[in-house]
PDB file of N, CA and C in Angstrom:
ATOM      1  N   MET A   1      -5.840 -12.595   9.000  1.00  0.00           N
ATOM      2  CA  MET A   1      -4.587 -12.537   8.075  1.00  0.00           C
ATOM      3  C   MET A   1      -4.843 -13.064   6.757  1.00  0.00           C
ATOM      4  N   ASP A   2      -4.061 -12.454   5.964  1.00  0.00           N
ATOM      5  CA  ASP A   2      -4.280 -12.420   4.484  1.00  0.00           C
ATOM      6  C   ASP A   2      -3.136 -13.170   3.957  1.00  0.00           C
ATOM      7  N   VAL A   3      -2.976 -14.350   3.321  1.00  0.00           N
ATOM      8  CA  VAL A   3      -2.096 -15.233   2.891  1.00  0.00           C
ATOM      9  C   VAL A   3      -2.043 -15.712   1.533  1.00  0.00           C
ATOM     10  N   ASN A   4      -0.974 -15.742   0.746  1.00  0.00           N
ATOM     11  CA  ASN A   4      -1.008 -16.235  -0.646  1.00  0.00           C
ATOM     12  C   ASN A   4      -0.793 -17.740  -0.394  1.00  0.00           C
ATOM     13  N   ILE A   5      -1.796 -18.619  -0.899  1.00  0.00           N
ATOM     14  CA  ILE A   5      -1.471 -19.763  -0.837  1.00  0.00           C
ATOM     15  C   ILE A   5      -0.829 -20.467  -2.359  1.00  0.00           C
ATOM     16  N   VAL A   6       0.263 -21.107  -2.545  1.00  0.00           N
ATOM     17  CA  VAL A   6       0.479 -21.861  -3.564  1.00  0.00           C
ATOM     18  C   VAL A   6       0.369 -23.164  -3.397  1.00  0.00           C
ATOM     19  N   TYR A   7       0.043 -23.844  -4.722  1.00  0.00           N
ATOM     20  CA  TYR A   7      -0.341 -25.345  -4.906  1.00  0.00           C
ATOM     21  C   TYR A   7       0.616 -25.829  -6.027  1.00  0.00           C
ATOM     22  N   PHE A   8       1.266 -27.020  -5.902  1.00  0.00           N
ATOM     23  CA  PHE A   8       2.293 -27.559  -6.790  1.00  0.00           C
ATOM     24  C   PHE A   8       1.691 -28.967  -7.110  1.00  0.00           C
ATOM     25  N   ALA A   9       2.115 -29.270  -8.136  1.00  0.00           N
ATOM     26  CA  ALA A   9       2.098 -30.891  -8.553  1.00  0.00           C
ATOM     27  C   ALA A   9       0.438 -31.275  -8.653  1.00  0.00           C
ATOM     28  N   TRP A  10       0.144 -32.461  -8.169  1.00  0.00           N
ATOM     29  CA  TRP A  10      -1.038 -32.983  -8.374  1.00  0.00           C
ATOM     30  C   TRP A  10      -1.933 -32.294  -7.308  1.00  0.00           C
ATOM     31  N   VAL A  11      -1.512 -31.488  -6.310  1.00  0.00           N
ATOM     32  CA  VAL A  11      -2.351 -30.683  -5.604  1.00  0.00           C
ATOM     33  C   VAL A  11      -2.900 -29.683  -6.394  1.00  0.00           C
ATOM     34  N   ARG A  12      -2.186 -28.938  -7.096  1.00  0.00           N
ATOM     35  CA  ARG A  12      -2.709 -28.103  -7.974  1.00  0.00           C
ATOM     36  C   ARG A  12      -3.752 -28.585  -9.037  1.00  0.00           C
ATOM     37  N   GLU A  13      -3.522 -29.808  -9.457  1.00  0.00           N
ATOM     38  CA  GLU A  13      -4.282 -30.214 -10.718  1.00  0.00           C
ATOM     39  C   GLU A  13      -5.829 -30.632 -10.084  1.00  0.00           C
ATOM     40  N   GLN A  14      -5.584 -31.154  -8.684  1.00  0.00           N
ATOM     41  CA  GLN A  14      -6.894 -31.554  -8.074  1.00  0.00           C
ATOM     42  C   GLN A  14      -7.976 -30.358  -7.711  1.00  0.00           C
ATOM     43  N   ILE A  15      -7.171 -29.161  -7.311  1.00  0.00           N
ATOM     44  CA  ILE A  15      -7.812 -28.176  -6.761  1.00  0.00           C
ATOM     45  C   ILE A  15      -8.169 -27.250  -7.940  1.00  0.00           C
ATOM     46  N   GLY A  16      -7.384 -27.283  -9.004  1.00  0.00           N
ATOM     47  CA  GLY A  16      -7.730 -26.370  -9.964  1.00  0.00           C
ATOM     48  C   GLY A  16      -7.102 -25.055  -9.941  1.00  0.00           C
ATOM     49  N   LEU A  17      -6.177 -24.688  -9.090  1.00  0.00           N
ATOM     50  CA  LEU A  17      -5.570 -23.270  -8.932  1.00  0.00           C
ATOM     51  C   LEU A  17      -4.284 -23.492  -8.847  1.00  0.00           C
ATOM     52  N   ASP A  18      -3.174 -22.681  -9.231  1.00  0.00           N
ATOM     53  CA  ASP A  18      -2.121 -22.596  -8.893  1.00  0.00           C
ATOM     54  C   ASP A  18      -1.498 -21.983  -7.751  1.00  0.00           C
ATOM     55  N   GLN A  19      -2.635 -20.864  -7.401  1.00  0.00           N
ATOM     56  CA  GLN A  19      -2.287 -20.279  -6.061  1.00  0.00           C
ATOM     57  C   GLN A  19      -3.650 -19.297  -5.843  1.00  0.00           C
ATOM     58  N   GLU A  20      -3.774 -18.725  -4.596  1.00  0.00           N
ATOM     59  CA  GLU A  20      -4.945 -17.883  -4.354  1.00  0.00           C
ATOM     60  C   GLU A  20      -4.516 -17.198  -3.261  1.00  0.00           C
ATOM     61  N   ARG A  21      -5.263 -16.335  -2.748  1.00  0.00           N
ATOM     62  CA  ARG A  21      -5.148 -15.396  -1.379  1.00  0.00           C
ATOM     63  C   ARG A  21      -6.429 -15.690  -0.761  1.00  0.00           C
ATOM     64  N   ILE A  22      -6.265 -16.033   0.459  1.00  0.00           N
ATOM     65  CA  ILE A  22      -6.953 -16.314   1.274  1.00  0.00           C
ATOM     66  C   ILE A  22      -6.901 -15.587   2.717  1.00  0.00           C
ATOM     67  N   ASP A  23      -8.056 -15.478   3.425  1.00  0.00           N
ATOM     68  CA  ASP A  23      -8.130 -15.064   5.057  1.00  0.00           C
ATOM     69  C   ASP A  23      -8.354 -16.014   5.731  1.00  0.00           C
ATOM     70  N   PRO A  24      -7.748 -16.943   6.216  1.00  0.00           N
ATOM     71  CA  PRO A  24      -8.346 -17.960   6.780  1.00  0.00           C
ATOM     72  C   PRO A  24      -8.634 -17.633   8.364  1.00  0.00           C
ATOM     73  N   PRO A  25      -9.853 -18.533   9.227  1.00  0.00           N
ATOM     74  CA  PRO A  25     -10.318 -17.902  10.442  1.00  0.00           C
ATOM     75  C   PRO A  25      -9.054 -18.121  11.493  1.00  0.00           C
ATOM     76  N   ALA A  26      -9.388 -17.113  12.289  1.00  0.00           N
ATOM     77  CA  ALA A  26      -8.436 -16.830  13.304  1.00  0.00           C
ATOM     78  C   ALA A  26      -7.881 -18.224  14.152  1.00  0.00           C
ATOM     79  N   THR A  27      -9.307 -19.472  14.214  1.00  0.00           N
ATOM     80  CA  THR A  27      -8.931 -20.660  14.740  1.00  0.00           C
ATOM     81  C   THR A  27      -7.850 -21.483  13.974  1.00  0.00           C
ATOM     82  N   VAL A  28      -7.656 -21.118  12.729  1.00  0.00           N
ATOM     83  CA  VAL A  28      -6.582 -21.927  11.981  1.00  0.00           C
ATOM     84  C   VAL A  28      -5.193 -21.130  12.535  1.00  0.00           C
ATOM     85  N   GLU A  29      -4.410 -22.302  13.189  1.00  0.00           N
ATOM     86  CA  GLU A  29      -3.219 -21.805  13.782  1.00  0.00           C
ATOM     87  C   GLU A  29      -1.924 -22.325  13.523  1.00  0.00           C
ATOM     88  N   ASP A  30      -2.029 -23.390  12.644  1.00  0.00           N
ATOM     89  CA  ASP A  30      -0.905 -23.988  11.919  1.00  0.00           C
ATOM     90  C   ASP A  30      -1.137 -24.498  10.444  1.00  0.00           C
ATOM     91  N   VAL A  31      -0.016 -25.144  10.026  1.00  0.00           N
ATOM     92  CA  VAL A  31      -0.363 -25.514   8.613  1.00  0.00           C
ATOM     93  C   VAL A  31      -1.325 -26.668   8.448  1.00  0.00           C
ATOM     94  N   SER A  32      -1.413 -27.717   9.528  1.00  0.00           N
ATOM     95  CA  SER A  32      -2.383 -28.813   9.606  1.00  0.00           C
ATOM     96  C   SER A  32      -3.693 -28.538   9.455  1.00  0.00           C
ATOM     97  N   GLY A  33      -3.944 -27.279  10.585  1.00  0.00           N
ATOM     98  CA  GLY A  33      -5.366 -26.671  10.437  1.00  0.00           C
ATOM     99  C   GLY A  33      -5.537 -25.861   9.424  1.00  0.00           C
ATOM    100  N   LEU A  34      -4.557 -25.427   8.511  1.00  0.00           N
ATOM    101  CA  LEU A  34      -4.935 -24.672   7.370  1.00  0.00           C
ATOM    102  C   LEU A  34      -5.464 -25.854   6.329  1.00  0.00           C
ATOM    103  N   ILE A  35      -4.624 -26.943   6.556  1.00  0.00           N
ATOM    104  CA  ILE A  35      -5.255 -27.873   5.372  1.00  0.00           C
ATOM    105  C   ILE A  35      -6.421 -28.663   5.638  1.00  0.00           C
ATOM    106  N   ALA A  36      -6.750 -28.908   6.734  1.00  0.00           N
ATOM    107  CA  ALA A  36      -8.173 -29.200   7.179  1.00  0.00           C
ATOM    108  C   ALA A  36      -9.186 -28.226   6.964  1.00  0.00           C
ATOM    109  N   TRP A  37      -8.911 -26.737   7.049  1.00  0.00           N
ATOM    110  CA  TRP A  37      -9.991 -25.843   6.734  1.00  0.00           C
ATOM    111  C   TRP A  37     -10.127 -25.603   5.111  1.00  0.00           C
ATOM    112  N   LEU A  38      -9.034 -25.942   4.477  1.00  0.00           N
ATOM    113  CA  LEU A  38      -9.131 -25.746   2.907  1.00  0.00           C
ATOM    114  C   LEU A  38      -9.793 -26.721   2.578  1.00  0.00           C
ATOM    115  N   ALA A  39      -9.646 -28.077   3.141  1.00  0.00           N
ATOM    116  CA  ALA A  39     -10.122 -29.465   2.569  1.00  0.00           C
ATOM    117  C   ALA A  39     -11.734 -29.484   2.868  1.00  0.00           C
ATOM    118  N   GLY A  40     -12.188 -28.217   3.655  1.00  0.00           N
ATOM    119  CA  GLY A  40     -13.666 -28.360   3.851  1.00  0.00           C
ATOM    120  C   GLY A  40     -14.450 -27.380   2.797  1.00  0.00           C
ATOM    121  N   ARG A  41     -13.648 -26.802   1.671  1.00  0.00           N
ATOM    122  CA  ARG A  41     -14.204 -25.630   0.871  1.00  0.00           C
ATOM    123  C   ARG A  41     -14.531 -26.349  -0.202  1.00  0.00           C
ATOM    124  N   SER A  42     -14.188 -27.408  -0.665  1.00  0.00           N
ATOM    125  CA  SER A  42     -15.038 -27.892  -1.953  1.00  0.00           C
ATOM    126  C   SER A  42     -14.430 -29.472  -2.375  1.00  0.00           C
ATOM    127  N   GLY A  43     -15.103 -30.199  -3.393  1.00  0.00           N
ATOM    128  CA  GLY A  43     -14.703 -31.316  -3.487  1.00  0.00           C
ATOM    129  C   GLY A  43     -13.117 -31.552  -3.954  1.00  0.00           C
ATOM    130  N   GLY A  44     -12.620 -30.589  -4.702  1.00  0.00           N
ATOM    131  CA  GLY A  44     -11.464 -30.774  -5.244  1.00  0.00           C
ATOM    132  C   GLY A  44     -10.234 -30.558  -4.095  1.00  0.00           C
ATOM    133  N   TYR A  45     -10.725 -29.558  -3.038  1.00  0.00           N
ATOM    134  CA  TYR A  45      -9.880 -29.256  -2.073  1.00  0.00           C
ATOM    135  C   TYR A  45      -9.911 -30.666  -1.065  1.00  0.00           C
ATOM    136  N   ALA A  46     -11.043 -31.272  -1.079  1.00  0.00           N
ATOM    137  CA  ALA A  46     -11.064 -32.397  -0.074  1.00  0.00           C
ATOM    138  C   ALA A  46     -10.405 -33.527  -0.900  1.00  0.00           C
ATOM    139  N   THR A  47     -10.375 -33.867  -1.915  1.00  0.00           N
ATOM    140  CA  THR A  47      -9.427 -35.000  -2.819  1.00  0.00           C
ATOM    141  C   THR A  47      -8.114 -34.607  -2.682  1.00  0.00           C
ATOM    142  N   ALA A  48      -7.449 -33.514  -2.841  1.00  0.00           N
ATOM    143  CA  ALA A  48      -6.249 -33.126  -3.142  1.00  0.00           C
ATOM    144  C   ALA A  48      -5.504 -33.008  -1.427  1.00  0.00           C
ATOM    145  N   LEU A  49      -6.523 -33.061  -0.355  1.00  0.00           N
ATOM    146  CA  LEU A  49      -5.982 -32.509   0.910  1.00  0.00           C
ATOM    147  C   LEU A  49      -6.258 -33.956   1.803  1.00  0.00           C
ATOM    148  N   ALA A  50      -6.944 -34.554   1.129  1.00  0.00           N
ATOM    149  CA  ALA A  50      -7.512 -35.712   2.232  1.00  0.00           C
ATOM    150  C   ALA A  50      -6.727 -36.496   2.960  1.00  0.00           C
ATOM    151  N   ASP A  51      -5.286 -36.513   2.641  1.00  0.00           N
ATOM    152  CA  ASP A  51      -4.229 -37.431   3.474  1.00  0.00           C
ATOM    153  C   ASP A  51      -2.981 -36.435   3.604  1.00  0.00           C
ATOM    154  N   PRO A  52      -3.132 -35.721   4.995  1.00  0.00           N
ATOM    155  CA  PRO A  52      -2.025 -34.561   4.648  1.00  0.00           C
ATOM    156  C   PRO A  52      -0.652 -35.410   4.835  1.00  0.00           C
ATOM    157  N   THR A  53      -0.705 -36.772   5.435  1.00  0.00           N
ATOM    158  CA  THR A  53       0.701 -37.195   5.783  1.00  0.00           C
ATOM    159  C   THR A  53       1.321 -37.425   3.911  1.00  0.00           C
ATOM    160  N   ARG A  54       0.778 -37.088   2.879  1.00  0.00           N
ATOM    161  CA  ARG A  54       1.011 -37.265   1.599  1.00  0.00           C
ATOM    162  C   ARG A  54       1.310 -35.652   1.356  1.00  0.00           C
ATOM    163  N   LEU A  55       1.652 -34.858   2.229  1.00  0.00           N
ATOM    164  CA  LEU A  55       1.709 -33.473   1.854  1.00  0.00           C
ATOM    165  C   LEU A  55       3.192 -32.680   2.327  1.00  0.00           C
ATOM    166  N   ARG A  56       3.590 -31.835   1.579  1.00  0.00           N
ATOM    167  CA  ARG A  56       4.866 -31.166   2.199  1.00  0.00           C
ATOM    168  C   ARG A  56       4.306 -29.899   2.443  1.00  0.00           C
ATOM    169  N   ALA A  57       4.994 -28.842   3.285  1.00  0.00           N
ATOM    170  CA  ALA A  57       4.597 -27.527   3.195  1.00  0.00           C
ATOM    171  C   ALA A  57       5.850 -26.488   3.380  1.00  0.00           C
ATOM    172  N   ALA A  58       5.694 -25.382   2.795  1.00  0.00           N
ATOM    173  CA  ALA A  58       6.887 -24.340   3.045  1.00  0.00           C
ATOM    174  C   ALA A  58       6.227 -23.134   3.376  1.00  0.00           C
ATOM    175  N   ILE A  59       6.580 -22.310   4.389  1.00  0.00           N
ATOM    176  CA  ILE A  59       6.029 -21.087   4.737  1.00  0.00           C
ATOM    177  C   ILE A  59       7.245 -19.981   4.411  1.00  0.00           C
ATOM    178  N   ASP A  60       6.717 -18.983   3.631  1.00  0.00           N
ATOM    179  CA  ASP A  60       7.769 -17.880   3.151  1.00  0.00           C
ATOM    180  C   ASP A  60       9.161 -18.658   2.356  1.00  0.00           C
ATOM    181  N   GLN A  61       8.785 -19.810   1.780  1.00  0.00           N
ATOM    182  CA  GLN A  61      10.012 -20.423   0.844  1.00  0.00           C
ATOM    183  C   GLN A  61      10.782 -21.304   1.712  1.00  0.00           C
ATOM    184  N   ARG A  62      10.378 -21.499   2.922  1.00  0.00           N
ATOM    185  CA  ARG A  62      11.289 -22.536   3.856  1.00  0.00           C
ATOM    186  C   ARG A  62      10.415 -23.624   4.341  1.00  0.00           C
ATOM    187  N   PHE A  63      11.114 -24.724   3.917  1.00  0.00           N
ATOM    188  CA  PHE A  63      10.243 -26.033   4.464  1.00  0.00           C
ATOM    189  C   PHE A  63       9.830 -25.960   5.892  1.00  0.00           C
ATOM    190  N   VAL A  64       8.665 -26.672   6.379  1.00  0.00           N
ATOM    191  CA  VAL A  64       8.375 -26.442   7.514  1.00  0.00           C
ATOM    192  C   VAL A  64       7.564 -27.831   7.897  1.00  0.00           C
ATOM    193  N   PRO A  65       7.588 -28.148   9.393  1.00  0.00           N
ATOM    194  CA  PRO A  65       6.467 -29.653   9.485  1.00  0.00           C
ATOM    195  C   PRO A  65       5.108 -28.973   9.595  1.00  0.00           C
ATOM    196  N   LEU A  66       4.182 -29.852   9.407  1.00  0.00           N
ATOM    197  CA  LEU A  66       2.828 -29.711   9.440  1.00  0.00           C
ATOM    198  C   LEU A  66       2.285 -28.950  10.787  1.00  0.00           C
ATOM    199  N   ASN A  67       2.901 -29.357  11.378  1.00  0.00           N
ATOM    200  CA  ASN A  67       2.516 -28.452  12.923  1.00  0.00           C
ATOM    201  C   ASN A  67       3.166 -26.841  12.898  1.00  0.00           C
ATOM    202  N   ALA A  68       3.742 -26.466  12.082  1.00  0.00           N
ATOM    203  CA  ALA A  68       4.348 -25.238  12.091  1.00  0.00           C
ATOM    204  C   ALA A  68       3.077 -24.218  12.110  1.00  0.00           C
ATOM    205  N   PRO A  69       3.343 -23.056  13.121  1.00  0.00           N
ATOM    206  CA  PRO A  69       2.456 -21.780  12.821  1.00  0.00           C
ATOM    207  C   PRO A  69       2.384 -20.876  11.776  1.00  0.00           C
ATOM    208  N   ILE A  70       1.357 -20.563  11.306  1.00  0.00           N
ATOM    209  CA  ILE A  70       1.410 -19.981  10.113  1.00  0.00           C
ATOM    210  C   ILE A  70       1.211 -18.167  10.505  1.00  0.00           C
ATOM    211  N   ALA A  71       1.082 -18.063  11.728  1.00  0.00           N
ATOM    212  CA  ALA A  71       0.896 -16.476  12.510  1.00  0.00           C
ATOM    213  C   ALA A  71       2.039 -15.710  11.374  1.00  0.00           C
ATOM    214  N   GLY A  72       1.873 -14.550  10.904  1.00  0.00           N
ATOM    215  CA  GLY A  72       2.702 -14.059  10.352  1.00  0.00           C
ATOM    216  C   GLY A  72       3.262 -14.181   8.735  1.00  0.00           C
ATOM    217  N   ALA A  73       2.833 -15.451   8.144  1.00  0.00           N
ATOM    218  CA  ALA A  73       3.286 -15.760   6.985  1.00  0.00           C
ATOM    219  C   ALA A  73       2.764 -15.074   5.894  1.00  0.00           C
ATOM    220  N   THR A  74       3.356 -14.720   4.726  1.00  0.00           N
ATOM    221  CA  THR A  74       2.644 -14.245   3.881  1.00  0.00           C
ATOM    222  C   THR A  74       2.539 -15.000   2.427  1.00  0.00           C
ATOM    223  N   GLU A  75       3.222 -16.134   2.754  1.00  0.00           N
ATOM    224  CA  GLU A  75       3.106 -17.279   1.517  1.00  0.00           C
ATOM    225  C   GLU A  75       3.375 -18.759   2.206  1.00  0.00           C
ATOM    226  N   ILE A  76       2.372 -19.568   1.962  1.00  0.00           N
ATOM    227  CA  ILE A  76       2.431 -20.861   2.315  1.00  0.00           C
ATOM    228  C   ILE A  76       2.223 -22.033   0.995  1.00  0.00           C
ATOM    229  N   ALA A  77       3.274 -22.852   0.821  1.00  0.00           N
ATOM    230  CA  ALA A  77       3.043 -23.566  -0.358  1.00  0.00           C
ATOM    231  C   ALA A  77       2.735 -25.197   0.184  1.00  0.00           C
ATOM    232  N   LEU A  78       1.924 -25.729  -0.582  1.00  0.00           N
ATOM    233  CA  LEU A  78       1.477 -27.004  -0.420  1.00  0.00           C
ATOM    234  C   LEU A  78       1.851 -27.863  -1.481  1.00  0.00           C
ATOM    235  N   PHE A  79       2.555 -29.036  -1.479  1.00  0.00           N
ATOM    236  CA  PHE A  79       3.056 -29.872  -2.460  1.00  0.00           C
ATOM    237  C   PHE A  79       3.083 -31.089  -2.120  1.00  0.00           C
ATOM    238  N   PRO A  80       3.289 -32.313  -2.998  1.00  0.00           N
ATOM    239  CA  PRO A  80       3.920 -33.541  -2.569  1.00  0.00           C
ATOM    240  C   PRO A  80       5.169 -33.754  -2.351  1.00  0.00           C
ATOM    241  N   PRO A  81       5.613 -34.762  -1.608  1.00  0.00           N
ATOM    242  CA  PRO A  81       6.988 -35.188  -1.218  1.00  0.00           C
ATOM    243  C   PRO A  81       7.821 -34.878  -2.749  1.00  0.00           C
ATOM    244  N   VAL A  82       8.846 -34.319  -2.297  1.00  0.00           N
ATOM    245  CA  VAL A  82       9.830 -33.921  -3.762  1.00  0.00           C
ATOM    246  C   VAL A  82      11.062 -34.744  -3.803  1.00  0.00           C
ATOM    247  N   THR A  83      11.107 -35.758  -4.888  1.00  0.00           N
ATOM    248  CA  THR A  83      12.170 -36.574  -4.895  1.00  0.00           C
ATOM    249  C   THR A  83      13.038 -35.992  -6.240  1.00  0.00           C
ATOM    250  N   GLY A  84      14.475 -36.530  -6.113  1.00  0.00           N
ATOM    251  CA  GLY A  84      15.297 -35.919  -7.268  1.00  0.00           C
ATOM    252  C   GLY A  84      16.040 -37.189  -7.594  1.00  0.00           C
ATOM    253  N   GLY A  85      16.933 -37.070  -8.570  1.00  0.00           N
ATOM    254  CA  GLY A  85      17.719 -38.145  -9.165  1.00  0.00           C
ATOM    255  C   GLY A  85      18.869 -37.591 -10.038  1.00  0.00           C
TER     256      GLY A  85
END
């Protein structure tokens, strides 16, 4: 499954990329599994993704919980919680 991953805010800064195209292994079935798999790629990923409770996700531009399945996704965004004012 080839998917575009988009990173925002401090997640982007720590990883050093704003987006990338990846092909996660078949064992990665949901957003939390994707986060864990990405965290194992390098130090920047490990730092940015160390605490998944500090992350939010969107699949194909719709907010989803971290246990949402990723099958069929074309884009997954990872970002810190958003606040407004």
